[in-house]
Amino acid sequence: HIFDSNDKKMTEKQKKWSQIEKIMYIKSVTFKGWFKCYSFISHSTSEFISVYYIVLSSSGEYVAKLLILFGLLFMACGEVGGGEPFSSGSSGELSSGSRPSSSSRVSSSSLCTPLDMELYLQHAPENSYVHGPTQITMDDFYISAYLITQGQYKTVMGASPSRGARGDTLPVDGVSWFKAVEFCKKLSAQMCLDSNAIKLPTEAQWEYVAYQGTIIQREPDYWEWTNDCYDSQFPWTNHDPSGPPNCLPNAFKVRKGLNNYFDERFSTSPDYDGDISTYISFRVAVKSNYWPALIF
């Protein structure tokens, strides 16, 4: 309910609550970002927001007021924590910042600090590409420009499985589809996001950026995992296909890469992790609508 604090018709109790609300706002902003509070005070007018409560008995009035104070605080502050999850420069690369946790994010703490890891995510704009005789339209998304490095993999998973040349800035290899998916889920959690926010690119997403030729850097010595199960029919829909329907974890997955043409596809066991002469790695992708608060 909106009312003017100078309104003569206000009761003394309403005026008292107005003062309490102002004090709560002043106190809340001193937490230095731990509470992202939104002022009860309208900066253009002298109006305040007041919530009316019914006190059931005079004996419980002081207890009720204490509970009301907590209620107003959480109404003002929304979520515990402050700051936006990521920020970006003009290049479209994302870096981490503070982000509060919520029921849709994976975190055991009420205040989640995202992992400080540069993913070099690049924007793939809404557009279309041609797979064989079929034109496929794509929603926009973000995808890592480079393969996940050994250093990034160790940060999230604890150790690198690479069999080839060693180095934190080199692409990780020796990664099964299951391990790549586990990496994505753990990274999502460490970025204070929903466990399915960061994923392997779908077959269509991978083809789209490979077809464009300027969004990702391909490594001719590496295979790459996609998130999709292999199906002889592709695409099964002409708009941003993923899946296919009834895709099971143990089903064969689509492997792409090396120097093969962008729409060549290979059926591969999800347990496959390469061998002494064949490297298999991955990159990550994010749907734009998972992070609506991002400003690029």
Protein backbone atom coordinates (compact mmCIF):
# COMPACT_ATOMS: atom_id res chain seq x y z
CA HIS A 1 0.00 0.00 0.00
CA ILE A 2 1.41 3.40 -0.99
CA PHE A 3 0.86 6.41 1.23
CA ASP A 4 2.44 9.84 1.83
CA SER A 5 4.32 10.15 5.12
CA ASN A 6 3.02 13.71 5.45
CA ASP A 7 -0.60 12.69 5.00
CA LYS A 8 -2.57 13.95 7.98
CA LYS A 9 -4.90 10.98 7.75
CA MET A 10 -2.07 8.57 8.57
CA THR A 11 -2.37 6.93 11.95
CA GLU A 12 0.48 7.11 14.44
CA LYS A 13 1.14 3.40 13.97
CA GLN A 14 1.50 3.86 10.21
CA LYS A 15 3.96 6.72 10.74
CA LYS A 16 5.95 4.55 13.14
CA TRP A 17 6.23 1.79 10.53
CA SER A 18 7.38 4.36 7.95
CA GLN A 19 10.25 5.33 10.22
CA ILE A 20 11.13 1.67 10.83
CA GLU A 21 11.22 1.05 7.10
CA LYS A 22 13.58 3.99 6.57
CA ILE A 23 15.89 2.75 9.33
CA MET A 24 15.90 -0.77 7.85
CA TYR A 25 16.87 0.61 4.47
CA ILE A 26 19.72 2.69 5.94
CA LYS A 27 20.97 -0.30 7.93
CA SER A 28 20.72 -2.71 4.99
CA VAL A 29 22.89 -0.68 2.64
CA THR A 30 25.77 -0.73 5.13
CA PHE A 31 26.34 -4.44 4.58
CA LYS A 32 28.67 -3.59 1.66
CA GLY A 33 26.96 -5.73 -0.96
CA TRP A 34 26.11 -8.71 1.23
CA PHE A 35 22.50 -7.71 0.84
CA LYS A 36 21.35 -6.43 -2.55
CA CYS A 37 18.58 -4.26 -1.20
CA TYR A 38 16.06 -2.26 -3.07
CA SER A 39 15.00 0.93 -1.33
CA PHE A 40 11.55 1.30 0.06
CA ILE A 41 12.01 4.98 -0.63
CA SER A 42 11.01 6.45 -3.97
CA HIS A 43 13.67 8.98 -4.92
CA SER A 44 11.22 11.12 -6.86
CA THR A 45 8.51 11.38 -4.22
CA SER A 46 8.09 11.18 -0.45
CA GLU A 47 6.03 8.01 -0.71
CA PHE A 48 6.83 4.85 1.17
CA ILE A 49 5.74 1.25 0.84
CA SER A 50 3.91 -0.06 3.87
CA VAL A 51 2.55 -3.48 4.60
CA TYR A 52 -0.39 -3.82 6.95
CA TYR A 53 -0.43 -6.67 9.41
CA ILE A 54 -3.02 -8.00 11.80
CA VAL A 55 -1.82 -8.53 15.34
CA LEU A 56 -3.84 -11.39 16.76
CA SER A 57 -3.45 -10.48 20.43
CA SER A 58 -1.95 -7.64 22.41
CA SER A 59 0.19 -10.09 24.39
CA GLY A 60 1.93 -11.20 21.17
CA GLU A 61 2.34 -7.72 19.74
CA TYR A 62 6.09 -7.38 20.39
CA VAL A 63 6.87 -10.84 19.04
CA ALA A 64 4.77 -10.09 15.98
CA LYS A 65 6.63 -6.83 15.39
CA LEU A 66 9.97 -8.65 15.58
CA LEU A 67 8.82 -11.17 12.98
CA ILE A 68 7.52 -8.33 10.82
CA LEU A 69 10.96 -6.70 10.92
CA PHE A 70 12.53 -9.87 9.50
CA GLY A 71 9.80 -10.12 6.90
CA LEU A 72 10.34 -6.55 5.74
CA LEU A 73 14.09 -7.10 5.58
CA PHE A 74 13.80 -10.06 3.24
CA MET A 75 11.13 -8.33 1.19
CA ALA A 76 13.52 -5.43 0.70
CA CYS A 77 16.63 -7.45 0.03
CA GLY A 78 15.24 -10.33 -2.01
CA GLU A 79 18.23 -12.68 -2.09
CA VAL A 80 21.27 -12.80 0.14
CA GLY A 81 24.32 -11.71 -1.81
CA GLY A 82 25.10 -9.02 -4.29
CA GLY A 83 26.55 -8.33 -7.68
CA GLU A 84 25.97 -9.77 -11.11
CA PRO A 85 27.26 -13.25 -12.04
CA PHE A 86 29.46 -12.23 -14.92
CA SER A 87 30.72 -9.17 -16.65
CA SER A 88 32.14 -8.77 -20.10
CA GLY A 89 34.16 -6.47 -22.25
CA SER A 90 33.37 -5.49 -25.79
CA SER A 91 34.89 -8.74 -27.10
CA GLY A 92 32.06 -10.80 -25.63
CA GLU A 93 34.35 -12.72 -23.26
CA LEU A 94 32.89 -13.49 -19.85
CA SER A 95 34.63 -13.24 -16.51
CA SER A 96 33.24 -14.13 -13.12
CA GLY A 97 31.97 -11.88 -10.33
CA SER A 98 29.91 -12.33 -7.18
CA ARG A 99 26.59 -14.09 -7.49
CA PRO A 100 24.06 -15.07 -4.85
CA SER A 101 22.85 -18.62 -4.62
CA SER A 102 19.21 -19.66 -4.90
CA SER A 103 17.11 -22.78 -5.27
CA SER A 104 17.85 -22.83 -9.01
CA ARG A 105 21.59 -22.70 -8.46
CA VAL A 106 23.83 -25.42 -7.11
CA SER A 107 25.42 -24.24 -3.87
CA SER A 108 25.59 -25.42 -0.29
CA SER A 109 26.15 -21.86 0.92
CA SER A 110 23.75 -18.96 1.12
CA LEU A 111 26.49 -16.80 -0.41
CA CYS A 112 28.20 -18.34 -3.44
CA THR A 113 31.37 -16.85 -4.92
CA PRO A 114 31.84 -17.96 -8.55
CA LEU A 115 35.05 -19.64 -9.64
CA ASP A 116 37.48 -17.16 -11.16
CA MET A 117 37.96 -18.82 -14.56
CA GLU A 118 38.03 -17.22 -18.00
CA LEU A 119 36.07 -19.39 -20.45
CA TYR A 120 36.47 -17.12 -23.51
CA LEU A 121 32.81 -17.53 -24.35
CA GLN A 122 31.89 -16.08 -27.72
CA HIS A 123 28.44 -15.10 -28.91
CA ALA A 124 26.87 -17.16 -31.68
CA PRO A 125 24.03 -14.96 -32.95
CA GLU A 126 20.62 -16.20 -34.02
CA ASN A 127 20.93 -17.31 -37.64
CA SER A 128 20.80 -20.40 -39.86
CA TYR A 129 23.13 -22.81 -41.63
CA VAL A 130 22.79 -25.63 -44.12
CA HIS A 131 23.38 -29.29 -43.22
CA GLY A 132 23.27 -31.30 -46.44
CA PRO A 133 20.00 -30.31 -48.13
CA THR A 134 18.44 -28.98 -44.92
CA GLN A 135 18.50 -25.42 -43.63
CA ILE A 136 18.60 -25.30 -39.82
CA THR A 137 17.69 -22.16 -37.88
CA MET A 138 19.50 -21.56 -34.58
CA ASP A 139 18.75 -19.57 -31.46
CA ASP A 140 21.63 -17.49 -30.15
CA PHE A 141 23.97 -18.99 -27.55
CA TYR A 142 27.50 -18.69 -26.17
CA ILE A 143 30.34 -21.15 -26.78
CA SER A 144 33.96 -21.34 -25.67
CA ALA A 145 36.23 -20.17 -28.48
CA TYR A 146 38.89 -22.71 -27.51
CA LEU A 147 38.93 -26.29 -26.25
CA ILE A 148 38.97 -26.68 -22.48
CA THR A 149 42.58 -26.57 -21.36
CA GLN A 150 44.40 -28.95 -19.04
CA GLY A 151 44.67 -26.16 -16.48
CA GLN A 152 40.93 -25.49 -16.56
CA TYR A 153 40.16 -29.19 -16.31
CA LYS A 154 42.45 -29.63 -13.29
CA THR A 155 40.90 -26.62 -11.55
CA VAL A 156 37.44 -28.18 -11.76
CA MET A 157 38.18 -31.91 -11.65
CA GLY A 158 41.42 -32.06 -9.64
CA ALA A 159 43.67 -33.77 -12.20
CA SER A 160 44.23 -33.91 -15.95
CA PRO A 161 43.83 -37.20 -17.85
CA SER A 162 45.84 -35.97 -20.85
CA ARG A 163 48.10 -38.48 -22.61
CA GLY A 164 49.60 -36.08 -25.13
CA ALA A 165 51.79 -33.04 -24.62
CA ARG A 166 51.42 -31.64 -21.12
CA GLY A 167 50.79 -28.00 -20.28
CA ASP A 168 48.11 -26.01 -18.52
CA THR A 169 47.43 -23.92 -21.64
CA LEU A 170 47.14 -26.93 -23.98
CA PRO A 171 43.80 -28.64 -24.72
CA VAL A 172 42.87 -31.43 -22.35
CA ASP A 173 42.57 -34.89 -23.93
CA GLY A 174 41.76 -38.41 -22.76
CA VAL A 175 38.26 -37.29 -21.70
CA SER A 176 35.26 -39.58 -22.06
CA TRP A 177 31.81 -38.15 -22.74
CA PHE A 178 30.83 -38.95 -19.16
CA LYS A 179 33.82 -37.02 -17.77
CA ALA A 180 33.11 -34.08 -20.06
CA VAL A 181 29.51 -33.95 -18.80
CA GLU A 182 30.73 -34.22 -15.20
CA PHE A 183 33.08 -31.29 -15.82
CA CYS A 184 30.18 -29.18 -17.13
CA LYS A 185 28.00 -29.93 -14.10
CA LYS A 186 30.79 -29.22 -11.63
CA LEU A 187 31.74 -26.01 -13.42
CA SER A 188 28.09 -24.90 -13.38
CA ALA A 189 27.99 -25.45 -9.62
CA GLN A 190 31.28 -23.63 -9.07
CA MET A 191 29.94 -20.74 -11.13
CA CYS A 192 26.87 -20.66 -8.80
CA LEU A 193 24.54 -21.64 -11.64
CA ASP A 194 21.98 -24.36 -12.25
CA SER A 195 23.70 -27.72 -12.83
CA ASN A 196 22.53 -27.78 -16.46
CA ALA A 197 23.52 -24.21 -17.33
CA ILE A 198 26.93 -25.08 -18.80
CA LYS A 199 26.80 -28.03 -21.19
CA LEU A 200 28.56 -29.65 -24.09
CA PRO A 201 27.45 -28.03 -27.35
CA THR A 202 24.71 -29.83 -29.23
CA GLU A 203 25.59 -31.28 -32.62
CA ALA A 204 23.76 -28.39 -34.30
CA GLN A 205 25.50 -25.76 -32.15
CA TRP A 206 28.89 -27.25 -32.98
CA GLU A 207 28.11 -27.42 -36.70
CA TYR A 208 26.75 -23.88 -36.73
CA VAL A 209 29.90 -22.29 -35.27
CA ALA A 210 32.17 -24.52 -37.35
CA TYR A 211 30.20 -23.52 -40.45
CA GLN A 212 30.59 -19.84 -39.56
CA GLY A 213 34.35 -20.32 -39.24
CA THR A 214 35.01 -17.21 -37.13
CA ILE A 215 33.47 -17.99 -33.72
CA ILE A 216 35.59 -20.93 -32.54
CA GLN A 217 39.14 -22.06 -33.12
CA ARG A 218 39.26 -25.68 -34.23
CA GLU A 219 42.20 -27.93 -33.39
CA PRO A 220 42.92 -30.30 -36.31
CA ASP A 221 44.52 -32.94 -34.03
CA TYR A 222 41.55 -33.24 -31.67
CA TRP A 223 38.15 -34.88 -31.80
CA GLU A 224 35.42 -33.06 -29.90
CA TRP A 225 32.41 -34.33 -27.97
CA THR A 226 28.91 -33.02 -28.53
CA ASN A 227 26.05 -33.42 -26.07
CA ASP A 228 23.83 -35.35 -28.48
CA CYS A 229 23.17 -39.03 -28.99
CA TYR A 230 23.88 -40.37 -32.45
CA ASP A 231 20.87 -40.94 -34.67
CA SER A 232 20.92 -41.82 -38.35
CA GLN A 233 18.34 -39.10 -38.91
CA PHE A 234 19.73 -35.59 -38.49
CA PRO A 235 18.26 -33.09 -38.09
CA TRP A 236 15.00 -34.40 -36.61
CA THR A 237 13.72 -30.82 -36.49
CA ASN A 238 14.73 -27.77 -38.50
CA HIS A 239 14.90 -25.44 -35.51
CA ASP A 240 17.79 -25.66 -33.05
CA PRO A 241 17.74 -29.47 -32.70
CA SER A 242 19.09 -31.15 -29.59
CA GLY A 243 18.77 -34.67 -28.30
CA PRO A 244 17.53 -36.55 -30.25
CA PRO A 245 14.32 -37.49 -28.42
CA ASN A 246 14.82 -40.39 -25.97
CA CYS A 247 18.59 -39.84 -25.85
CA LEU A 248 19.98 -42.05 -23.04
CA PRO A 249 23.33 -41.56 -21.23
CA ASN A 250 24.78 -44.89 -22.37
CA ALA A 251 23.74 -44.47 -26.00
CA PHE A 252 26.44 -43.69 -28.57
CA LYS A 253 27.21 -39.99 -28.88
CA VAL A 254 28.17 -37.72 -31.77
CA ARG A 255 31.87 -37.01 -32.18
CA LYS A 256 33.07 -34.18 -34.43
CA GLY A 257 36.34 -32.53 -35.33
CA LEU A 258 39.82 -33.22 -36.67
CA ASN A 259 40.07 -31.91 -40.24
CA ASN A 260 36.69 -33.30 -41.18
CA TYR A 261 34.05 -31.18 -42.86
CA PHE A 262 31.77 -29.44 -40.37
CA ASP A 263 28.73 -31.66 -41.02
CA GLU A 264 30.54 -35.02 -40.93
CA ARG A 265 29.40 -37.00 -37.90
CA PHE A 266 30.75 -40.07 -36.12
CA SER A 267 29.00 -42.46 -33.73
CA THR A 268 31.11 -43.03 -30.61
CA SER A 269 30.77 -44.86 -27.30
CA PRO A 270 30.48 -42.38 -24.43
CA ASP A 271 33.22 -44.35 -22.62
CA TYR A 272 35.74 -43.65 -25.38
CA ASP A 273 38.59 -41.43 -24.20
CA GLY A 274 40.98 -41.66 -27.13
CA ASP A 275 44.24 -43.58 -27.38
CA ILE A 276 47.95 -42.95 -27.78
CA SER A 277 47.53 -41.40 -31.23
CA THR A 278 43.97 -40.06 -31.07
CA TYR A 279 43.03 -37.12 -28.86
CA ILE A 280 39.48 -36.33 -27.83
CA SER A 281 38.52 -33.14 -26.04
CA PHE A 282 35.56 -30.77 -25.70
CA ARG A 283 34.38 -27.19 -25.36
CA VAL A 284 31.37 -25.79 -23.50
CA ALA A 285 28.22 -23.92 -24.51
CA VAL A 286 25.58 -21.87 -22.70
CA LYS A 287 22.07 -20.97 -23.80
CA SER A 288 21.53 -17.21 -23.61
CA ASN A 289 18.30 -17.51 -21.65
CA TYR A 290 20.09 -19.18 -18.72
CA TRP A 291 21.75 -15.93 -17.80
CA PRO A 292 19.20 -13.19 -18.48
CA ALA A 293 21.03 -10.82 -16.13
CA LEU A 294 24.19 -10.82 -18.23
CA ILE A 295 25.04 -7.60 -20.04
CA PHE A 296 27.35 -8.11 -22.96
